[in-house]
Amino acid sequence: MVGIGKPGWARELDTAVRELAGADTVAFGGVGIAGTLLPATEAYQRVEAALAAHPVEARRQVDRLLRRGSPAGKAYAATLLERVDPAAARDAWAALRDEPGGFTTFTGCVMGSATLRAYAADRLAGA
Protein backbone atom coordinates (compact mmCIF):
# COMPACT_ATOMS: atom_id res chain seq x y z
CA MET A 1 0.00 0.00 0.00
CA VAL A 2 1.11 3.52 -0.74
CA GLY A 3 2.10 5.50 2.31
CA ILE A 4 2.80 2.60 4.67
CA GLY A 5 5.96 3.34 6.55
CA LYS A 6 5.84 7.04 5.74
CA PRO A 7 5.80 9.56 8.57
CA GLY A 8 2.48 11.27 9.29
CA TRP A 9 3.49 14.56 7.66
CA ALA A 10 4.34 12.73 4.41
CA ARG A 11 0.99 10.93 4.37
CA GLU A 12 -0.77 14.24 5.01
CA LEU A 13 1.20 15.86 2.17
CA ASP A 14 0.28 13.00 -0.18
CA THR A 15 -3.40 13.39 0.72
CA ALA A 16 -3.30 17.16 0.22
CA VAL A 17 -1.59 16.86 -3.17
CA ARG A 18 -4.14 14.27 -4.30
CA GLU A 19 -6.92 16.69 -3.31
CA LEU A 20 -5.31 19.49 -5.31
CA ALA A 21 -4.63 17.22 -8.28
CA GLY A 22 -8.36 16.69 -8.72
CA ALA A 23 -9.52 20.18 -7.75
CA ASP A 24 -12.01 21.98 -9.97
CA THR A 25 -12.11 25.22 -8.00
CA VAL A 26 -9.47 27.78 -7.02
CA ALA A 27 -10.10 29.69 -3.80
CA PHE A 28 -7.46 30.93 -1.39
CA GLY A 29 -9.76 31.88 1.47
CA GLY A 30 -13.22 31.26 2.79
CA VAL A 31 -16.11 31.26 0.33
CA GLY A 32 -19.72 32.24 0.63
CA ILE A 33 -21.38 34.20 3.37
CA ALA A 34 -20.15 31.75 6.00
CA GLY A 35 -16.56 31.96 4.74
CA THR A 36 -16.29 28.19 4.46
CA LEU A 37 -12.93 26.77 3.44
CA LEU A 38 -13.19 24.38 0.52
CA PRO A 39 -11.31 21.06 0.75
CA ALA A 40 -8.93 22.25 -1.98
CA THR A 41 -8.20 25.45 -0.05
CA GLU A 42 -7.43 23.45 3.08
CA ALA A 43 -5.20 21.14 1.01
CA TYR A 44 -3.40 24.18 -0.46
CA GLN A 45 -2.72 25.43 3.06
CA ARG A 46 -1.35 22.03 4.12
CA VAL A 47 1.02 21.92 1.13
CA GLU A 48 2.07 25.50 1.80
CA ALA A 49 2.96 24.55 5.39
CA ALA A 50 4.81 21.46 4.17
CA LEU A 51 6.94 23.63 1.87
CA ALA A 52 8.22 25.42 4.96
CA ALA A 53 8.63 22.32 7.14
CA HIS A 54 9.76 19.75 4.55
CA PRO A 55 10.90 21.74 1.53
CA VAL A 56 12.56 19.00 -0.51
CA GLU A 57 9.69 16.49 -0.45
CA ALA A 58 7.00 19.18 -0.69
CA ARG A 59 8.71 20.79 -3.69
CA ARG A 60 8.90 17.41 -5.42
CA GLN A 61 5.16 16.98 -4.87
CA VAL A 62 4.39 20.51 -6.12
CA ASP A 63 6.44 19.89 -9.26
CA ARG A 64 4.50 16.66 -9.85
CA LEU A 65 1.21 18.51 -9.30
CA LEU A 66 2.28 21.08 -11.86
CA ARG A 67 2.81 18.33 -14.44
CA ARG A 68 -0.16 16.08 -13.66
CA GLY A 69 -2.82 18.09 -11.87
CA SER A 70 -6.18 19.31 -13.08
CA PRO A 71 -6.23 22.88 -14.42
CA ALA A 72 -7.10 24.14 -10.93
CA GLY A 73 -4.42 21.89 -9.43
CA LYS A 74 -1.82 23.35 -11.78
CA ALA A 75 -2.90 26.87 -10.79
CA TYR A 76 -2.46 25.96 -7.12
CA ALA A 77 0.97 24.44 -7.88
CA ALA A 78 2.24 27.52 -9.72
CA THR A 79 0.94 29.73 -6.91
CA LEU A 80 2.79 27.61 -4.35
CA LEU A 81 5.98 27.99 -6.38
CA GLU A 82 5.67 31.78 -6.15
CA ARG A 83 6.46 31.52 -2.46
CA VAL A 84 9.55 29.31 -2.72
CA ASP A 85 10.99 29.85 -6.20
CA PRO A 86 9.72 32.94 -8.03
CA ALA A 87 11.75 32.19 -11.17
CA ALA A 88 10.28 28.67 -11.40
CA ALA A 89 6.83 30.15 -10.80
CA ARG A 90 7.27 32.57 -13.72
CA ASP A 91 8.37 29.68 -15.92
CA ALA A 92 5.37 27.63 -14.78
CA TRP A 93 2.90 30.44 -15.46
CA ALA A 94 4.49 30.99 -18.88
CA ALA A 95 4.04 27.32 -19.74
CA LEU A 96 0.46 27.33 -18.43
CA ARG A 97 -0.49 30.16 -20.81
CA ASP A 98 -0.84 27.45 -23.47
CA GLU A 99 -3.26 25.30 -21.46
CA PRO A 100 -6.96 25.71 -22.28
CA GLY A 101 -8.56 23.85 -19.33
CA GLY A 102 -10.93 25.76 -17.09
CA PHE A 103 -12.02 25.90 -13.46
CA THR A 104 -14.29 27.74 -11.06
CA THR A 105 -12.89 30.60 -8.98
CA PHE A 106 -14.06 32.10 -5.71
CA THR A 107 -13.12 35.37 -4.12
CA GLY A 108 -15.20 35.59 -0.98
CA CYS A 109 -18.84 35.35 -2.06
CA VAL A 110 -18.09 35.98 -5.72
CA MET A 111 -17.99 32.90 -7.91
CA GLY A 112 -16.48 33.04 -11.37
CA SER A 113 -14.71 30.93 -13.91
CA ALA A 114 -11.40 31.07 -15.71
CA THR A 115 -9.35 29.19 -18.22
CA LEU A 116 -5.89 28.21 -17.11
CA ARG A 117 -4.58 30.12 -20.12
CA ALA A 118 -6.20 33.40 -19.01
CA TYR A 119 -5.44 32.86 -15.32
CA ALA A 120 -1.74 32.31 -16.11
CA ALA A 121 -1.62 35.39 -18.35
CA ASP A 122 -3.14 37.47 -15.53
CA ARG A 123 -0.59 36.14 -13.03
CA LEU A 124 2.27 36.96 -15.38
CA ALA A 125 0.87 40.44 -15.86
CA GLY A 126 0.75 40.93 -12.09
CA ALA A 127 -3.05 41.01 -11.89
C-alpha atoms as a PDB file:
ATOM      1  CA  MET A   1       0.000   0.000   0.000  1.00  0.00           C
ATOM      2  CA  VAL A   2       1.113   3.518  -0.737  1.00  0.00           C
ATOM      3  CA  GLY A   3       2.102   5.503   2.305  1.00  0.00           C
ATOM      4  CA  ILE A   4       2.802   2.597   4.669  1.00  0.00           C
ATOM      5  CA  GLY A   5       5.964   3.336   6.553  1.00  0.00           C
ATOM      6  CA  LYS A   6       5.837   7.041   5.745  1.00  0.00           C
ATOM      7  CA  PRO A   7       5.801   9.558   8.568  1.00  0.00           C
ATOM      8  CA  GLY A   8       2.477  11.274   9.294  1.00  0.00           C
ATOM      9  CA  TRP A   9       3.495  14.561   7.661  1.00  0.00           C
ATOM     10  CA  ALA A  10       4.341  12.728   4.412  1.00  0.00           C
ATOM     11  CA  ARG A  11       0.986  10.930   4.366  1.00  0.00           C
ATOM     12  CA  GLU A  12      -0.767  14.241   5.013  1.00  0.00           C
ATOM     13  CA  LEU A  13       1.196  15.863   2.167  1.00  0.00           C
ATOM     14  CA  ASP A  14       0.281  12.999  -0.182  1.00  0.00           C
ATOM     15  CA  THR A  15      -3.404  13.389   0.716  1.00  0.00           C
ATOM     16  CA  ALA A  16      -3.302  17.163   0.222  1.00  0.00           C
ATOM     17  CA  VAL A  17      -1.587  16.855  -3.166  1.00  0.00           C
ATOM     18  CA  ARG A  18      -4.140  14.265  -4.300  1.00  0.00           C
ATOM     19  CA  GLU A  19      -6.921  16.686  -3.313  1.00  0.00           C
ATOM     20  CA  LEU A  20      -5.308  19.490  -5.310  1.00  0.00           C
ATOM     21  CA  ALA A  21      -4.627  17.224  -8.278  1.00  0.00           C
ATOM     22  CA  GLY A  22      -8.363  16.688  -8.719  1.00  0.00           C
ATOM     23  CA  ALA A  23      -9.516  20.181  -7.750  1.00  0.00           C
ATOM     24  CA  ASP A  24     -12.005  21.976  -9.974  1.00  0.00           C
ATOM     25  CA  THR A  25     -12.111  25.224  -7.999  1.00  0.00           C
ATOM     26  CA  VAL A  26      -9.470  27.776  -7.020  1.00  0.00           C
ATOM     27  CA  ALA A  27     -10.104  29.692  -3.803  1.00  0.00           C
ATOM     28  CA  PHE A  28      -7.458  30.928  -1.388  1.00  0.00           C
ATOM     29  CA  GLY A  29      -9.760  31.883   1.473  1.00  0.00           C
ATOM     30  CA  GLY A  30     -13.219  31.258   2.786  1.00  0.00           C
ATOM     31  CA  VAL A  31     -16.109  31.255   0.327  1.00  0.00           C
ATOM     32  CA  GLY A  32     -19.721  32.235   0.625  1.00  0.00           C
ATOM     33  CA  ILE A  33     -21.383  34.205   3.367  1.00  0.00           C
ATOM     34  CA  ALA A  34     -20.149  31.755   5.998  1.00  0.00           C
ATOM     35  CA  GLY A  35     -16.561  31.957   4.737  1.00  0.00           C
ATOM     36  CA  THR A  36     -16.290  28.186   4.460  1.00  0.00           C
ATOM     37  CA  LEU A  37     -12.928  26.768   3.435  1.00  0.00           C
ATOM     38  CA  LEU A  38     -13.190  24.381   0.518  1.00  0.00           C
ATOM     39  CA  PRO A  39     -11.315  21.063   0.747  1.00  0.00           C
ATOM     40  CA  ALA A  40      -8.925  22.250  -1.979  1.00  0.00           C
ATOM     41  CA  THR A  41      -8.205  25.454  -0.046  1.00  0.00           C
ATOM     42  CA  GLU A  42      -7.427  23.446   3.075  1.00  0.00           C
ATOM     43  CA  ALA A  43      -5.197  21.144   1.009  1.00  0.00           C
ATOM     44  CA  TYR A  44      -3.397  24.178  -0.459  1.00  0.00           C
ATOM     45  CA  GLN A  45      -2.717  25.433   3.058  1.00  0.00           C
ATOM     46  CA  ARG A  46      -1.349  22.026   4.117  1.00  0.00           C
ATOM     47  CA  VAL A  47       1.016  21.919   1.132  1.00  0.00           C
ATOM     48  CA  GLU A  48       2.073  25.503   1.804  1.00  0.00           C
ATOM     49  CA  ALA A  49       2.955  24.548   5.393  1.00  0.00           C
ATOM     50  CA  ALA A  50       4.809  21.463   4.166  1.00  0.00           C
ATOM     51  CA  LEU A  51       6.942  23.626   1.869  1.00  0.00           C
ATOM     52  CA  ALA A  52       8.221  25.416   4.957  1.00  0.00           C
ATOM     53  CA  ALA A  53       8.629  22.322   7.136  1.00  0.00           C
ATOM     54  CA  HIS A  54       9.762  19.751   4.555  1.00  0.00           C
ATOM     55  CA  PRO A  55      10.900  21.745   1.528  1.00  0.00           C
ATOM     56  CA  VAL A  56      12.558  18.995  -0.514  1.00  0.00           C
ATOM     57  CA  GLU A  57       9.686  16.493  -0.448  1.00  0.00           C
ATOM     58  CA  ALA A  58       6.996  19.178  -0.691  1.00  0.00           C
ATOM     59  CA  ARG A  59       8.706  20.793  -3.688  1.00  0.00           C
ATOM     60  CA  ARG A  60       8.897  17.409  -5.418  1.00  0.00           C
ATOM     61  CA  GLN A  61       5.159  16.984  -4.871  1.00  0.00           C
ATOM     62  CA  VAL A  62       4.393  20.509  -6.118  1.00  0.00           C
ATOM     63  CA  ASP A  63       6.441  19.892  -9.257  1.00  0.00           C
ATOM     64  CA  ARG A  64       4.502  16.663  -9.855  1.00  0.00           C
ATOM     65  CA  LEU A  65       1.211  18.508  -9.298  1.00  0.00           C
ATOM     66  CA  LEU A  66       2.279  21.084 -11.864  1.00  0.00           C
ATOM     67  CA  ARG A  67       2.807  18.332 -14.436  1.00  0.00           C
ATOM     68  CA  ARG A  68      -0.163  16.079 -13.665  1.00  0.00           C
ATOM     69  CA  GLY A  69      -2.821  18.086 -11.873  1.00  0.00           C
ATOM     70  CA  SER A  70      -6.179  19.312 -13.084  1.00  0.00           C
ATOM     71  CA  PRO A  71      -6.225  22.880 -14.423  1.00  0.00           C
ATOM     72  CA  ALA A  72      -7.103  24.136 -10.930  1.00  0.00           C
ATOM     73  CA  GLY A  73      -4.416  21.889  -9.433  1.00  0.00           C
ATOM     74  CA  LYS A  74      -1.819  23.352 -11.785  1.00  0.00           C
ATOM     75  CA  ALA A  75      -2.901  26.873 -10.788  1.00  0.00           C
ATOM     76  CA  TYR A  76      -2.457  25.958  -7.121  1.00  0.00           C
ATOM     77  CA  ALA A  77       0.969  24.438  -7.880  1.00  0.00           C
ATOM     78  CA  ALA A  78       2.242  27.515  -9.719  1.00  0.00           C
ATOM     79  CA  THR A  79       0.942  29.733  -6.912  1.00  0.00           C
ATOM     80  CA  LEU A  80       2.788  27.614  -4.348  1.00  0.00           C
ATOM     81  CA  LEU A  81       5.982  27.986  -6.377  1.00  0.00           C
ATOM     82  CA  GLU A  82       5.668  31.781  -6.152  1.00  0.00           C
ATOM     83  CA  ARG A  83       6.463  31.516  -2.457  1.00  0.00           C
ATOM     84  CA  VAL A  84       9.550  29.313  -2.725  1.00  0.00           C
ATOM     85  CA  ASP A  85      10.994  29.848  -6.205  1.00  0.00           C
ATOM     86  CA  PRO A  86       9.717  32.944  -8.027  1.00  0.00           C
ATOM     87  CA  ALA A  87      11.748  32.189 -11.174  1.00  0.00           C
ATOM     88  CA  ALA A  88      10.282  28.666 -11.399  1.00  0.00           C
ATOM     89  CA  ALA A  89       6.828  30.152 -10.804  1.00  0.00           C
ATOM     90  CA  ARG A  90       7.269  32.569 -13.722  1.00  0.00           C
ATOM     91  CA  ASP A  91       8.367  29.680 -15.924  1.00  0.00           C
ATOM     92  CA  ALA A  92       5.374  27.633 -14.779  1.00  0.00           C
ATOM     93  CA  TRP A  93       2.903  30.442 -15.457  1.00  0.00           C
ATOM     94  CA  ALA A  94       4.490  30.994 -18.880  1.00  0.00           C
ATOM     95  CA  ALA A  95       4.036  27.316 -19.745  1.00  0.00           C
ATOM     96  CA  LEU A  96       0.465  27.325 -18.426  1.00  0.00           C
ATOM     97  CA  ARG A  97      -0.494  30.159 -20.808  1.00  0.00           C
ATOM     98  CA  ASP A  98      -0.845  27.454 -23.470  1.00  0.00           C
ATOM     99  CA  GLU A  99      -3.264  25.301 -21.463  1.00  0.00           C
ATOM    100  CA  PRO A 100      -6.963  25.709 -22.281  1.00  0.00           C
ATOM    101  CA  GLY A 101      -8.560  23.846 -19.334  1.00  0.00           C
ATOM    102  CA  GLY A 102     -10.926  25.756 -17.087  1.00  0.00           C
ATOM    103  CA  PHE A 103     -12.019  25.898 -13.462  1.00  0.00           C
ATOM    104  CA  THR A 104     -14.290  27.742 -11.062  1.00  0.00           C
ATOM    105  CA  THR A 105     -12.889  30.603  -8.985  1.00  0.00           C
ATOM    106  CA  PHE A 106     -14.064  32.099  -5.710  1.00  0.00           C
ATOM    107  CA  THR A 107     -13.116  35.371  -4.121  1.00  0.00           C
ATOM    108  CA  GLY A 108     -15.197  35.589  -0.979  1.00  0.00           C
ATOM    109  CA  CYS A 109     -18.836  35.346  -2.063  1.00  0.00           C
ATOM    110  CA  VAL A 110     -18.091  35.984  -5.720  1.00  0.00           C
ATOM    111  CA  MET A 111     -17.993  32.897  -7.908  1.00  0.00           C
ATOM    112  CA  GLY A 112     -16.481  33.037 -11.368  1.00  0.00           C
ATOM    113  CA  SER A 113     -14.713  30.929 -13.911  1.00  0.00           C
ATOM    114  CA  ALA A 114     -11.404  31.070 -15.712  1.00  0.00           C
ATOM    115  CA  THR A 115      -9.350  29.191 -18.220  1.00  0.00           C
ATOM    116  CA  LEU A 116      -5.891  28.215 -17.107  1.00  0.00           C
ATOM    117  CA  ARG A 117      -4.575  30.118 -20.123  1.00  0.00           C
ATOM    118  CA  ALA A 118      -6.198  33.399 -19.014  1.00  0.00           C
ATOM    119  CA  TYR A 119      -5.440  32.859 -15.324  1.00  0.00           C
ATOM    120  CA  ALA A 120      -1.740  32.313 -16.114  1.00  0.00           C
ATOM    121  CA  ALA A 121      -1.617  35.390 -18.350  1.00  0.00           C
ATOM    122  CA  ASP A 122      -3.144  37.471 -15.531  1.00  0.00           C
ATOM    123  CA  ARG A 123      -0.590  36.140 -13.027  1.00  0.00           C
ATOM    124  CA  LEU A 124       2.273  36.957 -15.380  1.00  0.00           C
ATOM    125  CA  ALA A 125       0.870  40.440 -15.862  1.00  0.00           C
ATOM    126  CA  GLY A 126       0.749  40.925 -12.089  1.00  0.00           C
ATOM    127  CA  ALA A 127      -3.048  41.009 -11.894  1.00  0.00           C
END
